[in-house]
Protein backbone atom coordinates (compact mmCIF):
# COMPACT_ATOMS: atom_id res chain seq x y z
CA MET A 1 -1.54 14.63 -18.03
CA ARG A 2 -4.04 15.31 -15.75
CA ASN A 3 -5.08 15.47 -12.17
CA ILE A 4 -7.80 13.06 -11.34
CA LEU A 5 -10.59 15.12 -9.83
CA ILE A 6 -14.29 14.09 -9.62
CA PRO A 7 -17.29 15.56 -8.06
CA VAL A 8 -19.67 13.61 -7.07
CA LEU A 9 -22.71 13.02 -4.62
CA LEU A 10 -21.81 10.36 -2.21
CA SER A 11 -24.16 8.46 -0.17
CA ALA A 12 -24.59 4.98 1.92
CA SER A 13 -24.38 2.81 -1.62
CA LEU A 14 -21.30 4.00 -2.97
CA LEU A 15 -19.10 3.79 -0.03
CA ALA A 16 -18.97 1.27 2.93
CA SER A 17 -18.17 2.23 6.26
CA PRO A 18 -14.37 0.85 8.02
CA GLY A 19 -16.54 -1.93 9.57
CA ALA A 20 -18.26 -2.93 6.96
CA VAL A 21 -15.58 -5.98 6.42
CA LYS A 22 -15.55 -6.73 9.85
CA LYS A 23 -17.31 -9.77 9.31
CA LYS A 24 -17.41 -10.90 13.25
CA ARG A 25 -19.64 -7.23 14.50
CA LYS A 26 -23.09 -8.19 14.87
CA THR A 27 -23.91 -4.77 14.26
CA GLU A 28 -22.80 -2.23 12.16
CA PRO A 29 -22.03 1.22 12.17
CA PRO A 30 -24.39 3.35 9.63
CA ALA A 31 -22.34 4.48 6.15
CA GLU A 32 -21.79 8.48 6.55
CA GLU A 33 -23.89 10.51 4.31
CA PHE A 34 -23.67 13.56 2.52
CA THR A 35 -25.32 16.11 1.14
CA SER A 36 -23.25 18.41 -0.93
CA ASN A 37 -20.62 17.86 -3.30
CA VAL A 38 -17.25 16.24 -2.30
CA LEU A 39 -13.97 16.39 -4.47
CA THR A 40 -12.31 12.58 -4.85
CA LEU A 41 -8.89 11.93 -5.84
CA LEU A 42 -6.86 9.07 -6.83
CA TRP A 43 -4.23 10.57 -8.69
CA ARG A 44 -2.33 14.10 -8.57
CA LYS A 45 0.35 14.67 -11.37
CA PRO A 46 4.01 14.25 -9.63
CA THR A 47 5.23 17.47 -11.49
CA ASP A 48 8.39 17.45 -9.14
CA ILE A 49 8.89 13.80 -9.80
CA VAL A 50 12.33 14.35 -10.76
CA TYR A 51 13.18 15.82 -6.87
CA ARG A 52 10.53 13.66 -5.01
CA ASP A 53 12.90 12.30 -2.10
CA LEU A 54 12.02 8.64 -1.77
CA TYR A 55 14.02 8.31 1.33
CA PHE A 56 11.90 10.17 3.46
CA GLY A 57 8.60 9.95 1.55
CA PRO A 58 5.85 12.11 1.44
CA GLY A 59 6.04 13.03 4.73
CA GLY A 60 9.40 14.32 4.14
CA GLU A 61 12.01 14.58 7.21
CA ALA A 62 9.88 17.17 9.03
CA HIS A 63 7.19 13.94 9.92
CA GLN A 64 9.63 11.39 10.83
CA PRO A 65 8.79 9.85 14.12
CA ARG A 66 10.57 11.52 17.04
CA ALA A 67 10.94 9.13 20.60
CA PRO A 68 9.93 8.79 22.99
CA PHE A 69 6.83 6.30 22.47
CA THR A 70 4.35 5.89 24.38
CA PHE A 71 1.79 2.44 23.86
CA ILE A 72 -1.99 3.53 23.49
CA LYS A 73 -4.16 0.77 22.23
CA GLU A 74 -3.59 -2.86 20.32
CA ASP A 75 -5.03 -2.93 16.64
CA MET A 76 -6.47 -6.72 15.93
CA ASP A 77 -7.56 -5.69 12.30
CA GLY A 78 -5.79 -7.60 9.34
CA SER A 79 -2.72 -10.52 10.10
CA ASN A 80 0.03 -8.54 11.25
CA PRO A 81 0.50 -7.38 14.54
CA LYS A 82 -0.44 -3.90 15.36
CA PHE A 83 -0.68 -1.41 17.74
CA SER A 84 -1.18 2.24 18.54
CA VAL A 85 2.00 5.06 19.51
CA ARG A 86 2.44 8.22 20.36
CA ASP A 87 5.58 10.19 19.99
CA ARG A 88 7.18 13.37 22.22
CA ALA A 89 5.47 15.52 19.45
CA GLY A 90 2.26 14.28 20.24
CA ILE A 91 1.59 12.80 17.10
CA LYS A 92 0.01 9.24 16.78
CA TRP A 93 1.41 6.14 14.87
CA LYS A 94 0.10 2.89 13.81
CA VAL A 95 2.95 0.69 14.20
CA LYS A 96 3.58 -2.84 12.52
CA LEU A 97 5.85 -5.49 13.19
CA GLY A 98 6.53 -8.52 11.15
CA ALA A 99 7.04 -9.38 7.38
CA GLU A 100 5.44 -6.52 5.58
CA ALA A 101 7.01 -3.46 7.62
CA LYS A 102 10.17 -3.67 5.14
CA PRO A 103 8.19 -3.91 2.10
CA GLU A 104 5.80 -1.59 2.68
CA THR A 105 7.53 1.23 3.47
CA ALA A 106 9.44 0.69 -0.03
CA ALA A 107 6.27 0.35 -1.72
CA THR A 108 4.73 3.21 -0.41
CA ARG A 109 7.76 5.13 -1.71
CA LEU A 110 7.46 4.06 -5.30
CA VAL A 111 3.57 4.70 -5.53
CA TRP A 112 3.79 7.80 -4.21
CA ALA A 113 6.30 8.93 -6.67
CA ALA A 114 4.09 8.14 -9.59
CA GLY A 115 1.58 10.26 -8.23
CA TYR A 116 -0.82 8.24 -6.14
CA PHE A 117 -2.32 8.40 -2.27
CA VAL A 118 -0.16 6.79 0.27
CA ASN A 119 -0.14 6.63 3.74
CA GLU A 120 3.13 8.35 5.54
CA ASP A 121 4.98 5.52 6.78
CA TYR A 122 8.41 5.08 8.15
CA PHE A 123 11.11 2.48 8.90
CA LEU A 124 13.05 2.28 12.15
CA PRO A 125 15.83 -0.62 12.74
CA GLU A 126 15.01 -0.50 16.38
CA LEU A 127 12.00 0.96 18.42
CA HIS A 128 11.30 1.30 22.33
CA VAL A 129 8.10 1.95 23.68
CA ASP A 130 7.32 3.12 27.29
CA ASP A 131 5.03 1.14 29.38
CA MET A 132 4.70 -1.41 26.24
CA PRO A 133 2.05 -4.23 27.55
CA PRO A 134 1.97 -7.95 26.27
CA LEU A 135 -0.22 -7.85 22.96
CA ARG A 136 -3.26 -10.30 22.63
CA ARG A 137 -2.35 -11.25 18.87
CA ARG A 138 -0.48 -15.18 18.26
CA GLY A 139 2.92 -14.60 17.71
CA ALA A 140 3.21 -10.79 18.37
CA ASN A 141 4.73 -10.92 21.72
CA GLY A 142 7.86 -13.04 20.24
CA LEU A 143 8.89 -9.96 18.21
CA ILE A 144 8.49 -8.00 21.33
CA GLU A 145 11.88 -7.45 23.34
CA GLY A 146 12.21 -7.17 26.97
CA GLY A 147 11.46 -3.42 28.25
CA GLY A 148 9.32 -2.62 24.85
CA SER A 149 12.15 -2.97 22.49
CA MET A 150 11.59 -4.43 18.79
CA ARG A 151 13.09 -4.56 15.40
CA ASN A 152 12.37 -4.19 12.26
CA VAL A 153 9.34 -2.05 12.48
CA ARG A 154 7.16 0.12 10.29
CA LEU A 155 5.38 3.30 12.03
CA LYS A 156 2.28 4.87 9.65
CA ARG A 157 1.44 8.44 10.88
CA GLU A 158 -2.20 8.54 11.53
CA PRO A 159 -2.91 13.11 11.45
CA GLU A 160 -5.79 14.45 13.60
CA ASP A 161 -7.57 16.09 10.49
CA GLU A 162 -7.29 12.72 8.26
CA LYS A 163 -9.91 10.27 8.74
CA LYS A 164 -10.88 7.02 7.04
CA ILE A 165 -14.57 7.06 6.47
CA GLY A 166 -14.45 3.82 4.51
CA ILE A 167 -13.19 1.70 1.93
CA TRP A 168 -13.39 1.04 -2.19
CA ARG A 169 -14.12 -1.35 -4.22
CA TRP A 170 -11.99 -2.24 -7.73
CA ARG A 171 -15.29 -3.35 -9.61
CA ASP A 172 -17.01 -0.52 -8.41
CA ASP A 173 -15.16 3.18 -7.72
CA PRO A 174 -15.54 6.84 -9.75
CA PHE A 175 -12.23 5.90 -12.17
CA SER A 176 -12.93 2.68 -13.35
CA SER A 177 -11.25 2.37 -16.58
CA SER A 178 -9.63 5.83 -16.62
CA ARG A 179 -6.01 6.38 -17.32
CA GLU A 180 -5.07 6.77 -13.95
CA TRP A 181 -7.10 4.28 -12.83
CA ASN A 182 -5.30 1.20 -14.93
CA GLY A 183 -1.79 2.54 -14.06
CA LEU A 184 -2.64 1.88 -10.68
CA ARG A 185 -3.27 -1.38 -11.84
CA VAL A 186 0.29 -1.17 -12.88
CA MET A 187 1.97 0.07 -10.05
CA MET A 188 0.23 -3.06 -8.23
CA ALA A 189 1.96 -5.44 -11.11
CA LEU A 190 5.32 -3.96 -10.80
CA ILE A 191 5.87 -3.85 -7.00
CA ASN A 192 4.18 -7.62 -6.90
CA ASN A 193 1.56 -6.49 -4.43
CA TRP A 194 -0.97 -9.74 -4.92
CA ASP A 195 -3.22 -8.60 -1.52
CA LEU A 196 -5.51 -6.64 -3.77
CA GLU A 197 -8.83 -7.52 -2.17
CA ASP A 198 -11.00 -4.51 -1.56
CA LYS A 199 -10.43 -4.67 2.24
CA ASN A 200 -7.19 -3.12 1.71
CA ASN A 201 -8.34 -0.25 0.02
CA SER A 202 -9.00 2.86 1.96
CA VAL A 203 -10.91 6.49 1.35
CA TYR A 204 -9.77 9.01 3.47
CA GLU A 205 -11.50 12.13 4.20
CA LEU A 206 -9.62 15.89 4.65
CA LYS A 207 -10.99 19.41 5.08
CA SER A 208 -10.09 21.82 2.90
CA ASN A 209 -11.31 25.85 3.37
CA GLY A 210 -14.76 23.90 4.40
CA GLN A 211 -14.62 21.88 1.48
CA LYS A 212 -14.74 17.85 1.81
CA GLU A 213 -12.03 16.16 -0.41
CA LEU A 214 -12.00 12.13 -0.25
CA VAL A 215 -8.63 10.45 -1.34
CA TYR A 216 -8.78 6.95 -2.66
CA MET A 217 -5.43 4.75 -2.41
CA VAL A 218 -4.58 1.48 -1.45
CA SER A 219 -3.59 1.52 2.07
CA ASP A 220 -2.43 -1.71 2.55
CA LEU A 221 1.07 -2.34 0.98
CA GLY A 222 2.85 -4.80 2.73
CA ALA A 223 2.28 -7.71 0.51
CA SER A 224 4.74 -6.47 -1.67
CA PHE A 225 8.20 -7.35 -3.67
CA GLY A 226 8.04 -11.30 -3.57
CA THR A 227 6.06 -13.73 -5.45
CA ALA A 228 3.06 -12.63 -7.23
CA TRP A 229 0.94 -15.09 -5.52
CA LEU A 230 -0.38 -15.87 -2.27
CA ASP A 231 2.14 -18.84 -0.60
CA ARG A 232 1.70 -20.88 2.30
CA THR A 233 4.06 -18.71 4.33
CA HIS A 234 5.37 -15.61 4.04
CA THR A 235 9.16 -16.08 3.64
CA LYS A 236 8.43 -16.22 -0.20
CA SER A 237 5.44 -13.68 -0.96
CA LYS A 238 6.80 -10.78 1.00
CA GLY A 239 10.13 -8.80 0.52
CA ASN A 240 11.99 -11.65 -0.98
CA LEU A 241 14.41 -10.60 -3.41
CA GLU A 242 14.84 -13.80 -4.62
CA TRP A 243 11.10 -14.47 -6.00
CA TYR A 244 10.87 -11.03 -7.13
CA GLN A 245 13.43 -11.44 -9.35
CA ARG A 246 12.14 -14.79 -10.31
CA THR A 247 8.67 -13.93 -11.33
CA LYS A 248 7.63 -12.59 -14.66
CA PHE A 249 5.95 -9.05 -14.84
CA ILE A 250 4.54 -8.57 -18.29
CA THR A 251 3.37 -12.38 -19.33
CA ARG A 252 1.32 -11.63 -22.40
CA VAL A 253 0.52 -8.58 -24.80
CA ARG A 254 -2.09 -8.76 -27.47
CA GLY A 255 -3.29 -5.96 -29.60
CA ASP A 256 -3.66 -3.11 -27.37
CA SER A 257 -3.99 -4.78 -24.25
CA LEU A 258 -1.96 -6.64 -22.04
CA ASP A 259 -1.66 -9.56 -18.77
CA PHE A 260 1.28 -9.22 -15.84
CA GLU A 261 1.66 -11.58 -13.68
CA ASP A 262 0.40 -10.00 -10.58
CA PRO A 263 -1.92 -11.52 -8.96
CA ARG A 264 -1.57 -14.57 -9.92
CA HIS A 265 -3.84 -17.52 -8.69
CA PRO A 266 -2.31 -18.45 -4.94
CA ALA A 267 -0.49 -21.86 -4.21
CA LEU A 268 -1.96 -25.09 -4.58
CA ILE A 269 -1.78 -25.40 -0.32
CA VAL A 270 -4.10 -22.62 -0.31
CA LEU A 271 -6.72 -24.52 -0.65
CA ALA A 272 -6.63 -26.16 2.62
CA ASN A 273 -8.97 -22.92 2.88
CA PRO A 274 -11.06 -22.73 -0.08
CA HIS A 275 -12.74 -19.62 0.90
CA GLU A 276 -9.21 -17.76 0.70
CA TYR A 277 -8.21 -19.97 -2.28
CA PHE A 278 -11.29 -18.42 -4.37
CA THR A 279 -11.21 -15.24 -3.15
CA ARG A 280 -8.06 -14.63 -4.50
CA LEU A 281 -9.03 -16.46 -7.83
CA GLY A 282 -11.33 -13.41 -7.99
CA ILE A 283 -9.10 -10.59 -7.85
CA ARG A 284 -6.84 -11.89 -10.96
CA TRP A 285 -8.79 -10.16 -13.43
CA ILE A 286 -6.93 -6.91 -11.46
CA GLY A 287 -3.82 -7.32 -13.57
CA ARG A 288 -5.54 -8.40 -17.01
CA ASP A 289 -6.48 -6.62 -19.90
CA VAL A 290 -4.81 -3.64 -18.67
CA PRO A 291 -4.78 -1.23 -22.01
CA ARG A 292 -1.31 -0.77 -23.50
CA GLY A 293 -1.53 3.20 -24.09
CA ASP A 294 -2.45 3.24 -20.32
CA ALA A 295 0.50 0.74 -19.50
CA MET A 296 2.81 3.35 -21.36
CA TRP A 297 1.85 6.01 -19.91
CA ILE A 298 2.80 5.31 -16.27
CA GLY A 299 5.87 3.41 -17.70
CA ALA A 300 6.85 6.76 -19.25
CA LEU A 301 5.89 8.82 -15.80
CA LEU A 302 7.88 6.13 -13.67
CA ALA A 303 11.33 6.74 -16.52
CA LYS A 304 11.68 9.66 -14.94
CA LEU A 305 13.16 8.26 -11.55
CA SER A 306 16.83 8.27 -11.17
CA ASP A 307 18.61 5.20 -9.97
CA SER A 308 19.18 6.86 -6.53
CA GLN A 309 15.93 7.35 -6.34
CA ILE A 310 14.52 4.02 -6.63
CA ARG A 311 17.43 3.24 -4.57
CA ASP A 312 16.56 5.25 -1.43
CA ALA A 313 12.93 3.57 -1.92
CA PHE A 314 14.58 0.67 -0.69
CA ARG A 315 17.62 2.44 1.67
CA SER A 316 14.74 3.59 3.70
CA ALA A 317 13.13 0.03 4.60
CA GLY A 318 16.38 -1.26 5.75
CA TYR A 319 17.60 -3.50 3.42
CA THR A 320 21.20 -4.55 2.86
CA PRO A 321 23.42 -2.88 0.11
CA ALA A 322 22.96 -6.26 -1.20
CA GLU A 323 19.35 -6.19 -1.05
CA ILE A 324 19.00 -2.76 -2.24
CA ASP A 325 20.58 -3.30 -5.31
CA GLY A 326 18.81 -6.35 -6.29
CA PHE A 327 15.33 -5.08 -5.61
CA ALA A 328 16.53 -1.70 -7.76
CA ALA A 329 17.48 -3.64 -10.84
CA VAL A 330 14.05 -5.18 -11.17
CA VAL A 331 11.79 -2.16 -10.60
CA GLU A 332 13.89 -0.52 -13.06
CA ASN A 333 14.27 -3.80 -15.85
CA ARG A 334 10.18 -3.50 -15.55
CA ILE A 335 9.90 0.07 -15.84
CA ALA A 336 12.04 -0.68 -19.26
CA GLU A 337 9.64 -3.23 -19.77
CA LEU A 338 7.20 -0.52 -19.71
CA ASN A 339 8.45 1.63 -22.06
CA ARG A 340 9.79 -1.02 -24.53
CA LEU A 341 5.64 -1.51 -25.34
């Protein structure tokens, strides 16, 4: 197995700026251009996979958020209430409320365990934010108790030495058709992440010894561990053990390729919004025609994870003991399916 490290010359035609997905903006910031070679990364060989701490995740225990927290500003992007805070160490965090907090925390651990890049996410069952003002997003304030207290939140670390410079597209990126790119498609199916629109993929710029490095990741994993499709509400489609257990994983094996259930076409009720419905139809290919050998490769890698590691991924997200047992069992069964191919 090898690291995916591809030196490429990037220009405005390859990367869209973060503003490129914000359709309501009248003017768009120029895409960043580079005049020297940069190193792009999708995956790094997890040589320590059997020892990886899936409770604390990629940030480890040392990077976990520390109270007290002070409000900075609200973030109006996406569909879930979000805002930024600063902890006692001066670290900036993005707080996400609602149905995605638990599944996203667990998903980051499993995706990271396989060698892919993710944000440093932590789940807190309770959070208090000083000087918490009312939020503008509809429904957000119903999730916040008096005095700035809230329950079941995800905090994403936002280091000053990392900069999001754009998004990447499933159909147009430097890694298309590689073993590791196909492995990422398998990972999305394994966790039932149906929200695979390009806007949920991020490119981060890092600097190492004066050299720019670009890290590609699926940066929004909140629509995981429920149905394999968009439903009318989030009740079934995000962090729902019953529906995660009920959905299929591999739906068809033919010759040298296979199809996954995820992402499936959305529920018919979504036709009330034709644009949303047909946009979702347009991403079904991501879970189709995956090379059998590449699926077997990622399955063999995931098989190195212990039961306790997989359970820790869900324990870190605040699930009950019964839910931890259930989610871990589905994940382990799916890994076993890959290894029976």
